């Protein structure tokens, strides 16, 4: 999942762009205080559940371990609603296992976002997902988002919530060691105006 957003002028952001995923962990910056992970793929794009797990779990955990080793204080994970390490279904089980593994790393702050259906434009899509996203967009349009927010969130709202939650940790505004943000929390944080 990729997200772009405009950050407040006071935010310091270092972009790292590389297609060589094997090198990502070794190139993790030593001075980053905050790491936000929105890494993920689909089973179809990966070529099966095991290949998806190599990205959604193995690579994501490797990057979290690199962040912890580098001294990063706050880690924000964009997970999935229904994530549970005891789920009988592959995807929510994998996401739940990642959540547990990240919490076990012991960051000063770990924030886990569990959004519902992610609404927004995508370069590729599956037909059923497209129908649901269009329905969510329509319901949000006719209800001022009331009929949408409890089951689907806009990608930019999720991204803003992740950044706000992470910055709150770095700026000392958050005291919880582990914080779980459900869909209502994501909407509330993601729609809050930035105060630079």
N, C-alpha and C. Protein backbone atom coordinates (compact mmCIF):
# COMPACT_ATOMS: atom_id res chain seq x y z
N UNK A 1 0.85 -1.15 0.00
CA UNK A 1 0.00 0.00 0.00
C UNK A 1 0.90 1.22 0.00
N UNK A 2 0.70 2.14 -0.90
CA UNK A 2 1.48 3.36 -0.93
C UNK A 2 0.58 4.56 -0.66
N UNK A 3 1.09 5.49 0.10
CA UNK A 3 0.30 6.68 0.42
C UNK A 3 1.17 7.91 0.27
N UNK A 4 0.60 8.96 -0.26
CA UNK A 4 1.28 10.25 -0.34
C UNK A 4 0.46 11.27 0.41
N UNK A 5 1.11 12.17 1.08
CA UNK A 5 0.40 13.21 1.79
C UNK A 5 1.30 14.40 2.00
N UNK A 6 0.69 15.54 2.26
CA UNK A 6 1.44 16.74 2.55
C UNK A 6 1.63 16.83 4.06
N UNK A 7 2.87 16.96 4.50
CA UNK A 7 3.18 17.07 5.91
C UNK A 7 3.32 18.53 6.31
N UNK A 8 3.14 18.81 7.59
CA UNK A 8 3.34 20.20 8.03
C UNK A 8 4.77 20.64 7.79
N UNK A 9 4.97 21.93 7.64
CA UNK A 9 6.29 22.46 7.32
C UNK A 9 7.34 22.11 8.37
N UNK A 10 6.92 21.88 9.62
CA UNK A 10 7.87 21.60 10.68
C UNK A 10 8.36 20.15 10.67
N UNK A 11 7.70 19.29 9.91
CA UNK A 11 8.07 17.87 9.89
C UNK A 11 9.35 17.68 9.10
N UNK A 12 10.19 16.76 9.59
CA UNK A 12 11.41 16.41 8.88
C UNK A 12 11.20 15.02 8.31
N UNK A 13 11.33 14.91 7.01
CA UNK A 13 11.06 13.66 6.32
C UNK A 13 12.23 13.32 5.42
N UNK A 14 12.73 12.10 5.55
CA UNK A 14 13.80 11.64 4.68
C UNK A 14 13.23 10.56 3.76
N UNK A 15 13.27 10.82 2.48
CA UNK A 15 12.78 9.85 1.51
C UNK A 15 13.89 8.87 1.16
N UNK A 16 13.55 7.62 1.12
CA UNK A 16 14.48 6.56 0.72
C UNK A 16 13.78 5.77 -0.37
N UNK A 17 14.36 5.75 -1.55
CA UNK A 17 13.72 5.07 -2.68
C UNK A 17 14.69 4.04 -3.24
N UNK A 18 14.25 2.78 -3.23
CA UNK A 18 15.05 1.69 -3.77
C UNK A 18 14.13 0.53 -4.12
N UNK A 19 14.40 -0.12 -5.23
CA UNK A 19 13.61 -1.29 -5.60
C UNK A 19 14.24 -2.59 -5.10
N UNK A 20 15.42 -2.50 -4.52
CA UNK A 20 16.13 -3.67 -4.00
C UNK A 20 15.72 -3.91 -2.54
N UNK A 21 14.64 -4.65 -2.35
CA UNK A 21 14.11 -4.86 -1.00
C UNK A 21 15.10 -5.56 -0.08
N UNK A 22 16.02 -6.32 -0.63
CA UNK A 22 17.01 -7.02 0.20
C UNK A 22 17.95 -6.04 0.90
N UNK A 23 18.08 -4.83 0.36
CA UNK A 23 18.99 -3.84 0.95
C UNK A 23 18.30 -2.87 1.89
N UNK A 24 16.99 -2.90 1.96
CA UNK A 24 16.27 -1.89 2.73
C UNK A 24 16.70 -1.85 4.20
N UNK A 25 16.74 -2.99 4.86
CA UNK A 25 17.07 -3.01 6.29
C UNK A 25 18.49 -2.50 6.54
N UNK A 26 19.42 -2.82 5.65
CA UNK A 26 20.81 -2.40 5.86
C UNK A 26 20.99 -0.90 5.62
N UNK A 27 20.06 -0.28 4.93
CA UNK A 27 20.15 1.15 4.64
C UNK A 27 19.27 1.99 5.55
N UNK A 28 18.74 1.39 6.59
CA UNK A 28 17.88 2.14 7.50
C UNK A 28 18.71 3.24 8.17
N UNK A 29 18.22 4.47 8.21
CA UNK A 29 18.99 5.59 8.78
C UNK A 29 19.16 5.46 10.29
N UNK A 30 20.31 5.84 10.78
CA UNK A 30 20.62 5.70 12.21
C UNK A 30 20.02 6.82 13.06
N UNK A 31 19.49 7.86 12.43
CA UNK A 31 18.98 8.99 13.21
C UNK A 31 17.46 9.15 13.16
N UNK A 32 16.75 8.16 12.67
CA UNK A 32 15.29 8.27 12.56
C UNK A 32 14.63 8.01 13.91
N UNK A 33 13.81 8.92 14.34
CA UNK A 33 13.08 8.76 15.60
C UNK A 33 11.75 8.05 15.41
N UNK A 34 11.22 8.10 14.17
CA UNK A 34 9.89 7.57 13.88
C UNK A 34 9.94 6.75 12.60
N UNK A 35 9.33 5.57 12.65
CA UNK A 35 9.20 4.73 11.46
C UNK A 35 7.73 4.37 11.30
N UNK A 36 7.19 4.64 10.11
CA UNK A 36 5.81 4.30 9.79
C UNK A 36 5.83 3.24 8.71
N UNK A 37 5.24 2.09 8.99
CA UNK A 37 5.21 0.99 8.04
C UNK A 37 3.81 0.81 7.47
N UNK A 38 3.70 0.98 6.17
CA UNK A 38 2.46 0.72 5.45
C UNK A 38 2.75 -0.33 4.38
N UNK A 39 3.76 -1.14 4.64
CA UNK A 39 4.22 -2.13 3.67
C UNK A 39 3.22 -3.27 3.53
N UNK A 40 2.92 -3.62 2.31
CA UNK A 40 2.02 -4.74 2.08
C UNK A 40 1.78 -4.96 0.61
N UNK A 41 1.31 -6.14 0.29
CA UNK A 41 0.96 -6.49 -1.07
C UNK A 41 -0.30 -7.35 -1.02
N UNK A 42 -0.73 -7.82 -2.16
CA UNK A 42 -1.88 -8.72 -2.20
C UNK A 42 -1.39 -10.12 -2.54
N UNK A 43 -2.18 -11.10 -2.17
CA UNK A 43 -1.84 -12.49 -2.49
C UNK A 43 -1.72 -12.65 -4.01
N UNK A 44 -2.63 -12.03 -4.76
CA UNK A 44 -2.60 -12.14 -6.22
C UNK A 44 -1.33 -11.53 -6.80
N UNK A 45 -0.97 -10.33 -6.35
CA UNK A 45 0.24 -9.68 -6.88
C UNK A 45 1.50 -10.44 -6.49
N UNK A 46 1.50 -11.02 -5.29
CA UNK A 46 2.69 -11.73 -4.82
C UNK A 46 2.81 -13.11 -5.46
N UNK A 47 1.69 -13.70 -5.85
CA UNK A 47 1.73 -15.03 -6.44
C UNK A 47 1.41 -16.13 -5.45
N UNK A 48 0.73 -15.81 -4.37
CA UNK A 48 0.32 -16.81 -3.39
C UNK A 48 0.54 -16.34 -1.97
N UNK A 49 0.00 -17.08 -1.03
CA UNK A 49 0.05 -16.70 0.38
C UNK A 49 1.49 -16.67 0.89
N UNK A 50 2.30 -17.66 0.56
CA UNK A 50 3.68 -17.69 1.06
C UNK A 50 4.51 -16.53 0.51
N UNK A 51 4.31 -16.19 -0.75
CA UNK A 51 5.02 -15.05 -1.33
C UNK A 51 4.53 -13.74 -0.71
N UNK A 52 3.23 -13.65 -0.43
CA UNK A 52 2.70 -12.47 0.24
C UNK A 52 3.31 -12.34 1.64
N UNK A 53 3.46 -13.46 2.33
CA UNK A 53 4.02 -13.44 3.69
C UNK A 53 5.46 -12.92 3.68
N UNK A 54 6.21 -13.18 2.61
CA UNK A 54 7.59 -12.69 2.52
C UNK A 54 7.64 -11.17 2.53
N UNK A 55 6.60 -10.52 2.02
CA UNK A 55 6.54 -9.06 2.02
C UNK A 55 5.85 -8.57 3.28
N UNK A 56 4.61 -9.03 3.47
CA UNK A 56 3.76 -8.50 4.54
C UNK A 56 4.24 -8.86 5.94
N UNK A 57 4.96 -9.95 6.09
CA UNK A 57 5.46 -10.33 7.42
C UNK A 57 6.99 -10.27 7.48
N UNK A 58 7.67 -11.05 6.65
CA UNK A 58 9.13 -11.17 6.75
C UNK A 58 9.83 -9.82 6.52
N UNK A 59 9.54 -9.16 5.40
CA UNK A 59 10.19 -7.89 5.09
C UNK A 59 9.77 -6.80 6.09
N UNK A 60 8.49 -6.77 6.42
CA UNK A 60 8.01 -5.77 7.39
C UNK A 60 8.69 -5.95 8.74
N UNK A 61 8.84 -7.19 9.20
CA UNK A 61 9.50 -7.44 10.48
C UNK A 61 11.00 -7.13 10.40
N UNK A 62 11.62 -7.46 9.29
CA UNK A 62 13.04 -7.14 9.11
C UNK A 62 13.28 -5.64 9.21
N UNK A 63 12.40 -4.85 8.62
CA UNK A 63 12.53 -3.39 8.70
C UNK A 63 12.26 -2.88 10.12
N UNK A 64 11.30 -3.49 10.80
CA UNK A 64 11.04 -3.10 12.20
C UNK A 64 12.26 -3.42 13.07
N UNK A 65 12.88 -4.56 12.83
CA UNK A 65 14.09 -4.93 13.59
C UNK A 65 15.23 -3.95 13.30
N UNK A 66 15.36 -3.54 12.04
CA UNK A 66 16.39 -2.56 11.68
C UNK A 66 16.12 -1.23 12.38
N UNK A 67 14.85 -0.83 12.45
CA UNK A 67 14.48 0.41 13.12
C UNK A 67 14.82 0.33 14.61
N UNK A 68 14.51 -0.78 15.22
CA UNK A 68 14.80 -0.96 16.65
C UNK A 68 16.31 -0.92 16.89
N UNK A 69 17.08 -1.63 16.05
CA UNK A 69 18.54 -1.66 16.19
C UNK A 69 19.15 -0.27 16.00
N UNK A 70 18.52 0.56 15.17
CA UNK A 70 19.03 1.91 14.91
C UNK A 70 18.65 2.90 16.01
N UNK A 71 17.83 2.45 16.95
CA UNK A 71 17.45 3.34 18.05
C UNK A 71 16.19 4.14 17.83
N UNK A 72 15.41 3.76 16.81
CA UNK A 72 14.15 4.45 16.56
C UNK A 72 13.24 4.30 17.77
N UNK A 73 12.64 5.39 18.20
CA UNK A 73 11.83 5.40 19.42
C UNK A 73 10.37 5.02 19.19
N UNK A 74 9.81 5.44 18.07
CA UNK A 74 8.38 5.22 17.81
C UNK A 74 8.19 4.47 16.50
N UNK A 75 7.36 3.44 16.56
CA UNK A 75 7.06 2.61 15.39
C UNK A 75 5.55 2.60 15.18
N UNK A 76 5.12 2.96 13.99
CA UNK A 76 3.71 2.97 13.65
C UNK A 76 3.48 1.94 12.54
N UNK A 77 2.57 1.02 12.80
CA UNK A 77 2.25 -0.04 11.85
C UNK A 77 0.83 0.12 11.36
N UNK A 78 0.67 0.23 10.05
CA UNK A 78 -0.67 0.21 9.47
C UNK A 78 -0.97 -1.25 9.17
N UNK A 79 -1.87 -1.81 9.96
CA UNK A 79 -2.20 -3.24 9.90
C UNK A 79 -3.53 -3.42 9.17
N UNK A 80 -4.45 -4.14 9.76
CA UNK A 80 -5.73 -4.41 9.12
C UNK A 80 -6.78 -4.71 10.17
N UNK A 81 -8.01 -4.29 9.90
CA UNK A 81 -9.08 -4.65 10.83
C UNK A 81 -9.20 -6.17 10.84
N UNK A 82 -9.48 -6.72 11.98
CA UNK A 82 -9.61 -8.17 12.10
C UNK A 82 -8.30 -8.90 12.27
N UNK A 83 -7.18 -8.17 12.34
CA UNK A 83 -5.88 -8.82 12.52
C UNK A 83 -5.87 -9.59 13.83
N UNK A 84 -5.46 -10.85 13.77
CA UNK A 84 -5.40 -11.69 14.97
C UNK A 84 -4.49 -12.88 14.70
N UNK A 85 -3.51 -13.06 15.57
CA UNK A 85 -2.58 -14.18 15.39
C UNK A 85 -3.26 -15.53 15.54
N UNK A 86 -4.48 -15.56 16.05
CA UNK A 86 -5.21 -16.82 16.20
C UNK A 86 -6.28 -17.02 15.12
N UNK A 87 -6.32 -16.13 14.12
CA UNK A 87 -7.32 -16.24 13.06
C UNK A 87 -7.08 -17.49 12.22
N UNK A 88 -8.13 -18.16 11.80
CA UNK A 88 -7.97 -19.30 10.89
C UNK A 88 -7.69 -18.87 9.45
N UNK A 89 -7.87 -17.59 9.15
CA UNK A 89 -7.66 -17.06 7.81
C UNK A 89 -6.24 -16.52 7.67
N UNK A 90 -5.62 -16.77 6.54
CA UNK A 90 -4.20 -16.46 6.33
C UNK A 90 -3.86 -14.98 6.51
N UNK A 91 -4.61 -14.08 5.87
CA UNK A 91 -4.25 -12.67 5.91
C UNK A 91 -4.38 -12.05 7.30
N UNK A 92 -5.54 -12.18 7.97
CA UNK A 92 -5.62 -11.59 9.31
C UNK A 92 -4.67 -12.26 10.30
N UNK A 93 -4.39 -13.55 10.10
CA UNK A 93 -3.43 -14.24 10.97
C UNK A 93 -2.02 -13.66 10.79
N UNK A 94 -1.62 -13.47 9.53
CA UNK A 94 -0.31 -12.91 9.23
C UNK A 94 -0.17 -11.50 9.81
N UNK A 95 -1.20 -10.67 9.65
CA UNK A 95 -1.17 -9.31 10.19
C UNK A 95 -1.11 -9.34 11.71
N UNK A 96 -1.87 -10.23 12.33
CA UNK A 96 -1.84 -10.37 13.79
C UNK A 96 -0.49 -10.83 14.30
N UNK A 97 0.12 -11.77 13.58
CA UNK A 97 1.46 -12.25 13.96
C UNK A 97 2.49 -11.13 13.85
N UNK A 98 2.37 -10.30 12.83
CA UNK A 98 3.28 -9.16 12.68
C UNK A 98 3.08 -8.18 13.83
N UNK A 99 1.84 -7.89 14.18
CA UNK A 99 1.58 -6.99 15.30
C UNK A 99 2.26 -7.51 16.58
N UNK A 100 2.11 -8.78 16.85
CA UNK A 100 2.70 -9.38 18.06
C UNK A 100 4.23 -9.30 18.01
N UNK A 101 4.81 -9.61 16.86
CA UNK A 101 6.27 -9.59 16.72
C UNK A 101 6.82 -8.17 16.90
N UNK A 102 6.12 -7.18 16.36
CA UNK A 102 6.55 -5.78 16.48
C UNK A 102 6.44 -5.33 17.94
N UNK A 103 5.35 -5.67 18.59
CA UNK A 103 5.19 -5.29 20.01
C UNK A 103 6.32 -5.91 20.85
N UNK A 104 6.72 -7.13 20.52
CA UNK A 104 7.78 -7.82 21.28
C UNK A 104 9.14 -7.15 21.12
N UNK A 105 9.33 -6.34 20.09
CA UNK A 105 10.61 -5.65 19.89
C UNK A 105 10.85 -4.60 20.96
N UNK A 106 9.80 -4.09 21.58
CA UNK A 106 9.96 -3.17 22.70
C UNK A 106 10.35 -1.75 22.34
N UNK A 107 9.76 -1.20 21.29
CA UNK A 107 9.97 0.22 21.00
C UNK A 107 9.46 1.04 22.18
N UNK A 108 9.95 2.26 22.35
CA UNK A 108 9.40 3.14 23.39
C UNK A 108 7.90 3.31 23.18
N UNK A 109 7.51 3.44 21.91
CA UNK A 109 6.09 3.56 21.54
C UNK A 109 5.83 2.71 20.30
N UNK A 110 4.78 1.91 20.36
CA UNK A 110 4.31 1.16 19.20
C UNK A 110 2.84 1.54 19.00
N UNK A 111 2.52 2.02 17.80
CA UNK A 111 1.15 2.39 17.47
C UNK A 111 0.71 1.49 16.32
N UNK A 112 -0.42 0.83 16.50
CA UNK A 112 -0.95 -0.06 15.47
C UNK A 112 -2.29 0.49 15.00
N UNK A 113 -2.39 0.77 13.71
CA UNK A 113 -3.63 1.22 13.11
C UNK A 113 -4.30 0.04 12.43
N UNK A 114 -5.59 -0.12 12.67
CA UNK A 114 -6.36 -1.19 12.04
C UNK A 114 -7.50 -0.59 11.22
N UNK A 115 -7.17 -0.12 10.02
CA UNK A 115 -8.21 0.46 9.17
C UNK A 115 -9.11 -0.63 8.57
N UNK A 116 -10.26 -0.19 8.11
CA UNK A 116 -11.15 -1.08 7.36
C UNK A 116 -10.73 -1.06 5.90
N UNK A 117 -11.71 -1.14 5.03
CA UNK A 117 -11.45 -1.05 3.59
C UNK A 117 -10.80 0.29 3.29
N UNK A 118 -9.73 0.27 2.53
CA UNK A 118 -9.02 1.51 2.19
C UNK A 118 -9.59 2.07 0.90
N UNK A 119 -10.11 3.28 1.00
CA UNK A 119 -10.74 3.94 -0.13
C UNK A 119 -9.77 4.95 -0.72
N UNK A 120 -9.70 4.99 -2.03
CA UNK A 120 -8.83 5.94 -2.72
C UNK A 120 -8.46 5.38 -4.07
N UNK A 121 -7.86 6.20 -4.88
CA UNK A 121 -7.46 5.77 -6.21
C UNK A 121 -6.25 4.85 -6.13
N UNK A 122 -6.27 3.81 -6.95
CA UNK A 122 -5.16 2.86 -7.02
C UNK A 122 -4.84 2.58 -8.48
N UNK A 123 -3.58 2.25 -8.73
CA UNK A 123 -3.16 1.93 -10.09
C UNK A 123 -3.77 0.61 -10.55
N UNK A 124 -3.98 -0.30 -9.63
CA UNK A 124 -4.56 -1.59 -9.96
C UNK A 124 -5.61 -1.94 -8.91
N UNK A 125 -6.53 -2.79 -9.31
CA UNK A 125 -7.57 -3.16 -8.37
C UNK A 125 -8.23 -4.46 -8.78
N UNK A 126 -8.86 -5.09 -7.82
CA UNK A 126 -9.67 -6.28 -8.08
C UNK A 126 -11.11 -5.81 -8.21
N UNK A 127 -11.90 -6.50 -9.02
CA UNK A 127 -13.27 -6.08 -9.32
C UNK A 127 -14.11 -5.93 -8.06
N UNK A 128 -14.11 -6.95 -7.20
CA UNK A 128 -14.94 -6.88 -5.97
C UNK A 128 -14.50 -5.72 -5.09
N UNK A 129 -13.21 -5.51 -4.99
CA UNK A 129 -12.69 -4.40 -4.18
C UNK A 129 -13.10 -3.06 -4.78
N UNK A 130 -13.05 -2.96 -6.10
CA UNK A 130 -13.44 -1.72 -6.78
C UNK A 130 -14.90 -1.39 -6.48
N UNK A 131 -15.77 -2.40 -6.54
CA UNK A 131 -17.19 -2.19 -6.27
C UNK A 131 -17.38 -1.68 -4.84
N UNK A 132 -16.71 -2.30 -3.88
CA UNK A 132 -16.83 -1.89 -2.48
C UNK A 132 -16.29 -0.47 -2.27
N UNK A 133 -15.15 -0.16 -2.90
CA UNK A 133 -14.59 1.19 -2.75
C UNK A 133 -15.52 2.24 -3.33
N UNK A 134 -16.11 1.94 -4.49
CA UNK A 134 -17.05 2.88 -5.12
C UNK A 134 -18.29 3.06 -4.25
N UNK A 135 -18.77 1.96 -3.66
CA UNK A 135 -19.93 2.03 -2.78
C UNK A 135 -19.60 2.88 -1.54
N UNK A 136 -18.41 2.68 -0.98
CA UNK A 136 -18.01 3.46 0.19
C UNK A 136 -17.91 4.93 -0.15
N UNK A 137 -17.34 5.23 -1.31
CA UNK A 137 -17.21 6.63 -1.74
C UNK A 137 -18.59 7.26 -1.92
N UNK A 138 -19.50 6.53 -2.54
CA UNK A 138 -20.86 7.04 -2.74
C UNK A 138 -21.55 7.28 -1.40
N UNK A 139 -21.45 6.30 -0.49
CA UNK A 139 -22.10 6.43 0.82
C UNK A 139 -21.51 7.61 1.60
N UNK A 140 -20.22 7.81 1.47
CA UNK A 140 -19.60 8.95 2.14
C UNK A 140 -20.07 10.26 1.55
N UNK A 141 -20.26 10.28 0.24
CA UNK A 141 -20.71 11.51 -0.43
C UNK A 141 -22.12 11.91 -0.06
N UNK A 142 -23.02 10.94 0.10
CA UNK A 142 -24.41 11.28 0.40
C UNK A 142 -24.66 11.46 1.89
N UNK A 143 -23.69 11.05 2.73
CA UNK A 143 -23.95 11.13 4.18
C UNK A 143 -22.92 11.96 4.92
N UNK A 144 -22.06 12.67 4.20
CA UNK A 144 -21.01 13.41 4.89
C UNK A 144 -20.05 12.47 5.60
N UNK A 145 -19.82 11.31 5.07
CA UNK A 145 -18.91 10.26 5.55
C UNK A 145 -19.47 9.41 6.70
N UNK A 146 -20.64 9.74 7.24
CA UNK A 146 -21.18 8.96 8.38
C UNK A 146 -21.42 7.50 8.01
N UNK A 147 -21.90 7.22 6.81
CA UNK A 147 -22.20 5.85 6.40
C UNK A 147 -20.97 5.09 5.92
N UNK A 148 -19.87 5.79 5.78
CA UNK A 148 -18.65 5.17 5.29
C UNK A 148 -17.63 4.91 6.38
N UNK A 149 -17.42 5.87 7.26
CA UNK A 149 -16.29 5.85 8.18
C UNK A 149 -16.19 4.62 9.08
N UNK A 150 -17.30 3.99 9.42
CA UNK A 150 -17.21 2.86 10.34
C UNK A 150 -16.72 1.57 9.68
N UNK A 151 -16.66 1.53 8.34
CA UNK A 151 -16.20 0.31 7.67
C UNK A 151 -15.16 0.57 6.58
N UNK A 152 -14.98 1.81 6.16
CA UNK A 152 -14.02 2.15 5.11
C UNK A 152 -13.43 3.52 5.40
N UNK A 153 -12.11 3.65 5.22
CA UNK A 153 -11.45 4.93 5.46
C UNK A 153 -10.66 5.33 4.22
N UNK A 154 -10.63 6.64 3.97
CA UNK A 154 -9.85 7.17 2.86
C UNK A 154 -8.36 6.98 3.14
N UNK A 155 -7.60 6.67 2.11
CA UNK A 155 -6.16 6.44 2.27
C UNK A 155 -5.46 7.64 2.89
N UNK A 156 -5.85 8.85 2.49
CA UNK A 156 -5.18 10.03 3.06
C UNK A 156 -5.54 10.22 4.53
N UNK A 157 -6.72 9.83 4.94
CA UNK A 157 -7.11 9.92 6.35
C UNK A 157 -6.28 8.93 7.18
N UNK A 158 -6.08 7.73 6.66
CA UNK A 158 -5.25 6.73 7.34
C UNK A 158 -3.82 7.24 7.46
N UNK A 159 -3.29 7.78 6.37
CA UNK A 159 -1.92 8.29 6.38
C UNK A 159 -1.75 9.43 7.38
N UNK A 160 -2.69 10.36 7.39
CA UNK A 160 -2.61 11.47 8.33
C UNK A 160 -2.71 10.99 9.77
N UNK A 161 -3.56 10.01 10.02
CA UNK A 161 -3.68 9.46 11.38
C UNK A 161 -2.38 8.80 11.81
N UNK A 162 -1.74 8.07 10.90
CA UNK A 162 -0.46 7.41 11.22
C UNK A 162 0.61 8.44 11.56
N UNK A 163 0.70 9.48 10.76
CA UNK A 163 1.70 10.52 10.99
C UNK A 163 1.40 11.25 12.30
N UNK A 164 0.14 11.62 12.52
CA UNK A 164 -0.21 12.34 13.75
C UNK A 164 0.09 11.50 14.98
N UNK A 165 -0.27 10.22 14.95
CA UNK A 165 -0.01 9.33 16.09
C UNK A 165 1.48 9.17 16.32
N UNK A 166 2.26 9.04 15.26
CA UNK A 166 3.71 8.92 15.38
C UNK A 166 4.36 10.18 15.91
N UNK A 167 3.94 11.33 15.39
CA UNK A 167 4.49 12.60 15.87
C UNK A 167 4.13 12.85 17.32
N UNK A 168 2.93 12.46 17.72
CA UNK A 168 2.54 12.59 19.13
C UNK A 168 3.50 11.82 20.03
N UNK A 169 3.94 10.65 19.58
CA UNK A 169 4.90 9.85 20.35
C UNK A 169 6.26 10.55 20.42
N UNK A 170 6.76 10.99 19.28
CA UNK A 170 8.07 11.64 19.20
C UNK A 170 8.08 12.95 19.99
N UNK A 171 6.98 13.68 19.95
CA UNK A 171 6.90 14.98 20.63
C UNK A 171 6.55 14.86 22.11
N UNK A 172 6.41 13.64 22.62
CA UNK A 172 6.12 13.42 24.04
C UNK A 172 4.67 13.64 24.42
N UNK A 173 3.77 13.71 23.46
CA UNK A 173 2.34 13.91 23.74
C UNK A 173 1.63 12.59 24.01
N UNK A 174 2.28 11.48 23.72
CA UNK A 174 1.70 10.15 23.91
C UNK A 174 2.51 9.42 24.98
N UNK A 175 1.82 8.86 25.97
CA UNK A 175 2.52 8.17 27.05
C UNK A 175 2.38 6.66 26.99
N UNK A 176 1.41 6.16 26.24
CA UNK A 176 1.20 4.72 26.16
C UNK A 176 2.36 4.05 25.41
N UNK A 177 2.78 2.91 25.91
CA UNK A 177 3.84 2.15 25.24
C UNK A 177 3.29 1.49 23.96
N UNK A 178 2.11 0.91 24.06
CA UNK A 178 1.46 0.29 22.90
C UNK A 178 0.06 0.88 22.78
N UNK A 179 -0.25 1.37 21.60
CA UNK A 179 -1.56 1.99 21.36
C UNK A 179 -2.18 1.38 20.12
N UNK A 180 -3.40 0.90 20.24
CA UNK A 180 -4.13 0.32 19.13
C UNK A 180 -5.21 1.30 18.68
N UNK A 181 -5.18 1.67 17.41
CA UNK A 181 -6.16 2.61 16.86
C UNK A 181 -7.10 1.89 15.91
N UNK A 182 -8.37 1.85 16.29
CA UNK A 182 -9.39 1.28 15.42
C UNK A 182 -9.88 2.30 14.42
N UNK A 183 -10.90 1.92 13.69
CA UNK A 183 -11.38 2.77 12.59
C UNK A 183 -11.87 4.13 13.06
N UNK A 184 -12.60 4.18 14.17
CA UNK A 184 -13.09 5.48 14.67
C UNK A 184 -11.93 6.37 15.10
N UNK A 185 -10.90 5.77 15.72
CA UNK A 185 -9.72 6.54 16.13
C UNK A 185 -8.98 7.09 14.90
N UNK A 186 -8.89 6.26 13.88
CA UNK A 186 -8.21 6.66 12.64
C UNK A 186 -8.92 7.86 12.01
N UNK A 187 -10.24 7.78 11.94
CA UNK A 187 -11.01 8.88 11.36
C UNK A 187 -10.83 10.15 12.18
N UNK A 188 -10.91 10.03 13.50
CA UNK A 188 -10.76 11.21 14.37
C UNK A 188 -9.39 11.85 14.19
N UNK A 189 -8.32 11.05 14.26
CA UNK A 189 -6.96 11.59 14.12
C UNK A 189 -6.68 12.07 12.70
N UNK A 190 -7.17 11.34 11.72
CA UNK A 190 -6.89 11.65 10.32
C UNK A 190 -7.61 12.87 9.80
N UNK A 191 -8.65 13.29 10.50
CA UNK A 191 -9.39 14.47 10.07
C UNK A 191 -9.08 15.69 10.94
N UNK A 192 -8.20 15.54 11.90
CA UNK A 192 -7.80 16.65 12.76
C UNK A 192 -6.86 17.57 11.98
N UNK A 193 -7.09 18.84 12.09
CA UNK A 193 -6.24 19.81 11.39
C UNK A 193 -4.84 19.82 11.98
N UNK A 194 -3.84 19.97 11.12
CA UNK A 194 -2.45 20.06 11.57
C UNK A 194 -2.22 21.37 12.27
N UNK A 195 -1.47 21.32 13.35
CA UNK A 195 -1.05 22.54 14.06
C UNK A 195 0.45 22.60 14.00
N UNK A 196 0.98 23.42 13.12
CA UNK A 196 2.43 23.51 12.94
C UNK A 196 3.10 24.26 14.06
